[in-house]
Amino acid sequence: MMLSAEQMRRLPDFFAAIPDLRRVQGKRHPLPSVLVIATAATLCGMRSYKAIADPD
């Protein structure tokens, strides 16, 4: 699946509607940012959290 540049630009706004249920203590990054990065990585073929986190 491919997203257009405009769709990619709108992802943070789309994810902003999702309530952030994480504890305050563990929050380092806004939830919409985390979800956009995970979505982009998945669209690039990453299939696990480990694959997304691995720089190689």
PDB file of N, CA and C in Angstrom:
ATOM      1  N   MET A   1       0.847  -1.189   0.000  1.00  0.00           N
ATOM      2  CA  MET A   1       0.000   0.000   0.000  1.00  0.00           C
ATOM      3  C   MET A   1       0.880   1.236   0.000  1.00  0.00           C
ATOM      4  N   MET A   2       0.520   2.185  -0.773  1.00  0.00           N
ATOM      5  CA  MET A   2       1.267   3.437  -0.842  1.00  0.00           C
ATOM      6  C   MET A   2       0.375   4.573  -0.352  1.00  0.00           C
ATOM      7  N   LEU A   3       0.979   5.482   0.373  1.00  0.00           N
ATOM      8  CA  LEU A   3       0.274   6.692   0.785  1.00  0.00           C
ATOM      9  C   LEU A   3       0.854   7.857   0.017  1.00  0.00           C
ATOM     10  N   SER A   4       0.014   8.789  -0.334  1.00  0.00           N
ATOM     11  CA  SER A   4       0.504   9.998  -0.993  1.00  0.00           C
ATOM     12  C   SER A   4       1.183  10.887   0.045  1.00  0.00           C
ATOM     13  N   ALA A   5       1.929  11.848  -0.438  1.00  0.00           N
ATOM     14  CA  ALA A   5       2.597  12.789   0.467  1.00  0.00           C
ATOM     15  C   ALA A   5       1.566  13.523   1.328  1.00  0.00           C
ATOM     16  N   GLU A   6       0.445  13.865   0.748  1.00  0.00           N
ATOM     17  CA  GLU A   6      -0.603  14.560   1.502  1.00  0.00           C
ATOM     18  C   GLU A   6      -1.179  13.659   2.596  1.00  0.00           C
ATOM     19  N   GLN A   7      -1.381  12.399   2.300  1.00  0.00           N
ATOM     20  CA  GLN A   7      -1.871  11.471   3.316  1.00  0.00           C
ATOM     21  C   GLN A   7      -0.859  11.321   4.444  1.00  0.00           C
ATOM     22  N   MET A   8       0.409  11.252   4.105  1.00  0.00           N
ATOM     23  CA  MET A   8       1.453  11.156   5.137  1.00  0.00           C
ATOM     24  C   MET A   8       1.450  12.405   6.019  1.00  0.00           C
ATOM     25  N   ARG A   9       1.272  13.567   5.423  1.00  0.00           N
ATOM     26  CA  ARG A   9       1.242  14.811   6.198  1.00  0.00           C
ATOM     27  C   ARG A   9       0.055  14.851   7.156  1.00  0.00           C
ATOM     28  N   ARG A  10      -1.033  14.176   6.804  1.00  0.00           N
ATOM     29  CA  ARG A  10      -2.232  14.193   7.634  1.00  0.00           C
ATOM     30  C   ARG A  10      -2.232  13.143   8.746  1.00  0.00           C
ATOM     31  N   LEU A  11      -1.301  12.215   8.714  1.00  0.00           N
ATOM     32  CA  LEU A  11      -1.290  11.144   9.711  1.00  0.00           C
ATOM     33  C   LEU A  11      -1.258  11.654  11.159  1.00  0.00           C
ATOM     34  N   PRO A  12      -0.412  12.629  11.501  1.00  0.00           N
ATOM     35  CA  PRO A  12      -0.428  13.089  12.903  1.00  0.00           C
ATOM     36  C   PRO A  12      -1.798  13.597  13.348  1.00  0.00           C
ATOM     37  N   ASP A  13      -2.492  14.302  12.477  1.00  0.00           N
ATOM     38  CA  ASP A  13      -3.839  14.781  12.825  1.00  0.00           C
ATOM     39  C   ASP A  13      -4.810  13.627  12.982  1.00  0.00           C
ATOM     40  N   PHE A  14      -4.685  12.633  12.120  1.00  0.00           N
ATOM     41  CA  PHE A  14      -5.539  11.447  12.201  1.00  0.00           C
ATOM     42  C   PHE A  14      -5.320  10.726  13.525  1.00  0.00           C
ATOM     43  N   PHE A  15      -4.056  10.545  13.911  1.00  0.00           N
ATOM     44  CA  PHE A  15      -3.743   9.829  15.144  1.00  0.00           C
ATOM     45  C   PHE A  15      -3.993  10.675  16.395  1.00  0.00           C
ATOM     46  N   ALA A  16      -4.112  11.965  16.258  1.00  0.00           N
ATOM     47  CA  ALA A  16      -4.354  12.840  17.413  1.00  0.00           C
ATOM     48  C   ALA A  16      -5.702  12.542  18.065  1.00  0.00           C
ATOM     49  N   ALA A  17      -6.608  11.948  17.317  1.00  0.00           N
ATOM     50  CA  ALA A  17      -7.936  11.638  17.860  1.00  0.00           C
ATOM     51  C   ALA A  17      -7.921  10.406  18.762  1.00  0.00           C
ATOM     52  N   ILE A  18      -6.818   9.665  18.790  1.00  0.00           N
ATOM     53  CA  ILE A  18      -6.732   8.451  19.605  1.00  0.00           C
ATOM     54  C   ILE A  18      -6.328   8.835  21.027  1.00  0.00           C
ATOM     55  N   PRO A  19      -7.093   8.441  22.027  1.00  0.00           N
ATOM     56  CA  PRO A  19      -6.736   8.796  23.400  1.00  0.00           C
ATOM     57  C   PRO A  19      -5.429   8.111  23.826  1.00  0.00           C
ATOM     58  N   ASP A  20      -4.601   8.844  24.525  1.00  0.00           N
ATOM     59  CA  ASP A  20      -3.322   8.315  25.008  1.00  0.00           C
ATOM     60  C   ASP A  20      -3.535   7.765  26.415  1.00  0.00           C
ATOM     61  N   LEU A  21      -3.548   6.448  26.549  1.00  0.00           N
ATOM     62  CA  LEU A  21      -3.819   5.803  27.823  1.00  0.00           C
ATOM     63  C   LEU A  21      -2.542   5.399  28.557  1.00  0.00           C
ATOM     64  N   ARG A  22      -1.395   5.844  28.049  1.00  0.00           N
ATOM     65  CA  ARG A  22      -0.135   5.491  28.709  1.00  0.00           C
ATOM     66  C   ARG A  22       0.003   6.248  30.027  1.00  0.00           C
ATOM     67  N   ARG A  23       0.771   5.650  30.947  1.00  0.00           N
ATOM     68  CA  ARG A  23       1.036   6.332  32.212  1.00  0.00           C
ATOM     69  C   ARG A  23       1.905   7.562  31.944  1.00  0.00           C
ATOM     70  N   VAL A  24       1.752   8.593  32.741  1.00  0.00           N
ATOM     71  CA  VAL A  24       2.522   9.825  32.577  1.00  0.00           C
ATOM     72  C   VAL A  24       4.018   9.548  32.714  1.00  0.00           C
ATOM     73  N   GLN A  25       4.370   8.666  33.619  1.00  0.00           N
ATOM     74  CA  GLN A  25       5.771   8.376  33.893  1.00  0.00           C
ATOM     75  C   GLN A  25       6.516   7.876  32.647  1.00  0.00           C
ATOM     76  N   GLY A  26       5.868   7.087  31.801  1.00  0.00           N
ATOM     77  CA  GLY A  26       6.551   6.487  30.664  1.00  0.00           C
ATOM     78  C   GLY A  26       6.490   7.284  29.376  1.00  0.00           C
ATOM     79  N   LYS A  27       5.844   8.426  29.382  1.00  0.00           N
ATOM     80  CA  LYS A  27       5.678   9.206  28.151  1.00  0.00           C
ATOM     81  C   LYS A  27       6.926  10.028  27.859  1.00  0.00           C
ATOM     82  N   ARG A  28       7.532   9.761  26.729  1.00  0.00           N
ATOM     83  CA  ARG A  28       8.668  10.573  26.276  1.00  0.00           C
ATOM     84  C   ARG A  28       8.339  11.295  24.984  1.00  0.00           C
ATOM     85  N   HIS A  29       7.450  10.698  24.212  1.00  0.00           N
ATOM     86  CA  HIS A  29       7.104  11.249  22.907  1.00  0.00           C
ATOM     87  C   HIS A  29       5.586  11.273  22.773  1.00  0.00           C
ATOM     88  N   PRO A  30       5.067  12.255  22.059  1.00  0.00           N
ATOM     89  CA  PRO A  30       3.612  12.308  21.859  1.00  0.00           C
ATOM     90  C   PRO A  30       3.129  11.057  21.110  1.00  0.00           C
ATOM     91  N   LEU A  31       1.982  10.540  21.518  1.00  0.00           N
ATOM     92  CA  LEU A  31       1.445   9.330  20.912  1.00  0.00           C
ATOM     93  C   LEU A  31       1.285   9.449  19.393  1.00  0.00           C
ATOM     94  N   PRO A  32       0.772  10.564  18.867  1.00  0.00           N
ATOM     95  CA  PRO A  32       0.653  10.644  17.398  1.00  0.00           C
ATOM     96  C   PRO A  32       2.002  10.466  16.687  1.00  0.00           C
ATOM     97  N   SER A  33       3.078  10.981  17.262  1.00  0.00           N
ATOM     98  CA  SER A  33       4.400  10.818  16.655  1.00  0.00           C
ATOM     99  C   SER A  33       4.834   9.355  16.650  1.00  0.00           C
ATOM    100  N   VAL A  34       4.613   8.683  17.748  1.00  0.00           N
ATOM    101  CA  VAL A  34       4.969   7.263  17.848  1.00  0.00           C
ATOM    102  C   VAL A  34       4.179   6.454  16.819  1.00  0.00           C
ATOM    103  N   LEU A  35       2.905   6.751  16.686  1.00  0.00           N
ATOM    104  CA  LEU A  35       2.064   6.011  15.748  1.00  0.00           C
ATOM    105  C   LEU A  35       2.435   6.299  14.294  1.00  0.00           C
ATOM    106  N   VAL A  36       2.795   7.527  13.987  1.00  0.00           N
ATOM    107  CA  VAL A  36       3.227   7.865  12.622  1.00  0.00           C
ATOM    108  C   VAL A  36       4.513   7.116  12.278  1.00  0.00           C
ATOM    109  N   ILE A  37       5.463   7.088  13.190  1.00  0.00           N
ATOM    110  CA  ILE A  37       6.729   6.377  12.941  1.00  0.00           C
ATOM    111  C   ILE A  37       6.469   4.883  12.752  1.00  0.00           C
ATOM    112  N   ALA A  38       5.633   4.305  13.600  1.00  0.00           N
ATOM    113  CA  ALA A  38       5.316   2.878  13.480  1.00  0.00           C
ATOM    114  C   ALA A  38       4.591   2.589  12.160  1.00  0.00           C
ATOM    115  N   THR A  39       3.693   3.464  11.757  1.00  0.00           N
ATOM    116  CA  THR A  39       2.975   3.291  10.488  1.00  0.00           C
ATOM    117  C   THR A  39       3.929   3.363   9.308  1.00  0.00           C
ATOM    118  N   ALA A  40       4.798   4.369   9.307  1.00  0.00           N
ATOM    119  CA  ALA A  40       5.766   4.515   8.211  1.00  0.00           C
ATOM    120  C   ALA A  40       6.690   3.302   8.141  1.00  0.00           C
ATOM    121  N   ALA A  41       7.163   2.834   9.282  1.00  0.00           N
ATOM    122  CA  ALA A  41       8.041   1.664   9.301  1.00  0.00           C
ATOM    123  C   ALA A  41       7.319   0.430   8.779  1.00  0.00           C
ATOM    124  N   THR A  42       6.060   0.267   9.152  1.00  0.00           N
ATOM    125  CA  THR A  42       5.278  -0.874   8.681  1.00  0.00           C
ATOM    126  C   THR A  42       5.089  -0.803   7.171  1.00  0.00           C
ATOM    127  N   LEU A  43       4.813   0.382   6.652  1.00  0.00           N
ATOM    128  CA  LEU A  43       4.652   0.542   5.209  1.00  0.00           C
ATOM    129  C   LEU A  43       5.957   0.287   4.458  1.00  0.00           C
ATOM    130  N   CYS A  44       7.087   0.435   5.156  1.00  0.00           N
ATOM    131  CA  CYS A  44       8.401   0.166   4.558  1.00  0.00           C
ATOM    132  C   CYS A  44       8.823  -1.288   4.722  1.00  0.00           C
ATOM    133  N   GLY A  45       7.961  -2.105   5.303  1.00  0.00           N
ATOM    134  CA  GLY A  45       8.233  -3.531   5.372  1.00  0.00           C
ATOM    135  C   GLY A  45       8.634  -4.065   6.731  1.00  0.00           C
ATOM    136  N   MET A  46       8.723  -3.220   7.730  1.00  0.00           N
ATOM    137  CA  MET A  46       9.058  -3.705   9.064  1.00  0.00           C
ATOM    138  C   MET A  46       7.846  -4.429   9.647  1.00  0.00           C
ATOM    139  N   ARG A  47       8.064  -5.576  10.259  1.00  0.00           N
ATOM    140  CA  ARG A  47       6.946  -6.382  10.721  1.00  0.00           C
ATOM    141  C   ARG A  47       6.938  -6.644  12.222  1.00  0.00           C
ATOM    142  N   SER A  48       7.820  -5.977  12.978  1.00  0.00           N
ATOM    143  CA  SER A  48       7.831  -6.174  14.425  1.00  0.00           C
ATOM    144  C   SER A  48       8.430  -4.938  15.089  1.00  0.00           C
ATOM    145  N   TYR A  49       8.224  -4.842  16.407  1.00  0.00           N
ATOM    146  CA  TYR A  49       8.822  -3.731  17.146  1.00  0.00           C
ATOM    147  C   TYR A  49      10.344  -3.795  17.061  1.00  0.00           C
ATOM    148  N   LYS A  50      10.881  -5.005  17.122  1.00  0.00           N
ATOM    149  CA  LYS A  50      12.330  -5.171  17.041  1.00  0.00           C
ATOM    150  C   LYS A  50      12.858  -4.683  15.697  1.00  0.00           C
ATOM    151  N   ALA A  51      12.171  -5.013  14.617  1.00  0.00           N
ATOM    152  CA  ALA A  51      12.584  -4.560  13.293  1.00  0.00           C
ATOM    153  C   ALA A  51      12.524  -3.042  13.185  1.00  0.00           C
ATOM    154  N   ILE A  52      11.518  -2.432  13.777  1.00  0.00           N
ATOM    155  CA  ILE A  52      11.388  -0.977  13.733  1.00  0.00           C
ATOM    156  C   ILE A  52      12.517  -0.322  14.518  1.00  0.00           C
ATOM    157  N   ALA A  53      12.894  -0.912  15.642  1.00  0.00           N
ATOM    158  CA  ALA A  53      13.924  -0.320  16.513  1.00  0.00           C
ATOM    159  C   ALA A  53      15.342  -0.582  16.019  1.00  0.00           C
ATOM    160  N   ASP A  54      15.551  -1.621  15.219  1.00  0.00           N
ATOM    161  CA  ASP A  54      16.884  -2.010  14.790  1.00  0.00           C
ATOM    162  C   ASP A  54      17.380  -1.068  13.695  1.00  0.00           C
ATOM    163  N   PRO A  55      18.501  -0.373  13.906  1.00  0.00           N
ATOM    164  CA  PRO A  55      18.993   0.576  12.919  1.00  0.00           C
ATOM    165  C   PRO A  55      19.609  -0.086  11.679  1.00  0.00           C
ATOM    166  N   ASP A  56      19.889  -1.372  11.731  1.00  0.00           N
ATOM    167  CA  ASP A  56      20.540  -2.037  10.593  1.00  0.00           C
ATOM    168  C   ASP A  56      19.554  -2.585   9.609  1.00  0.00           C
TER     169      ASP A  56
END
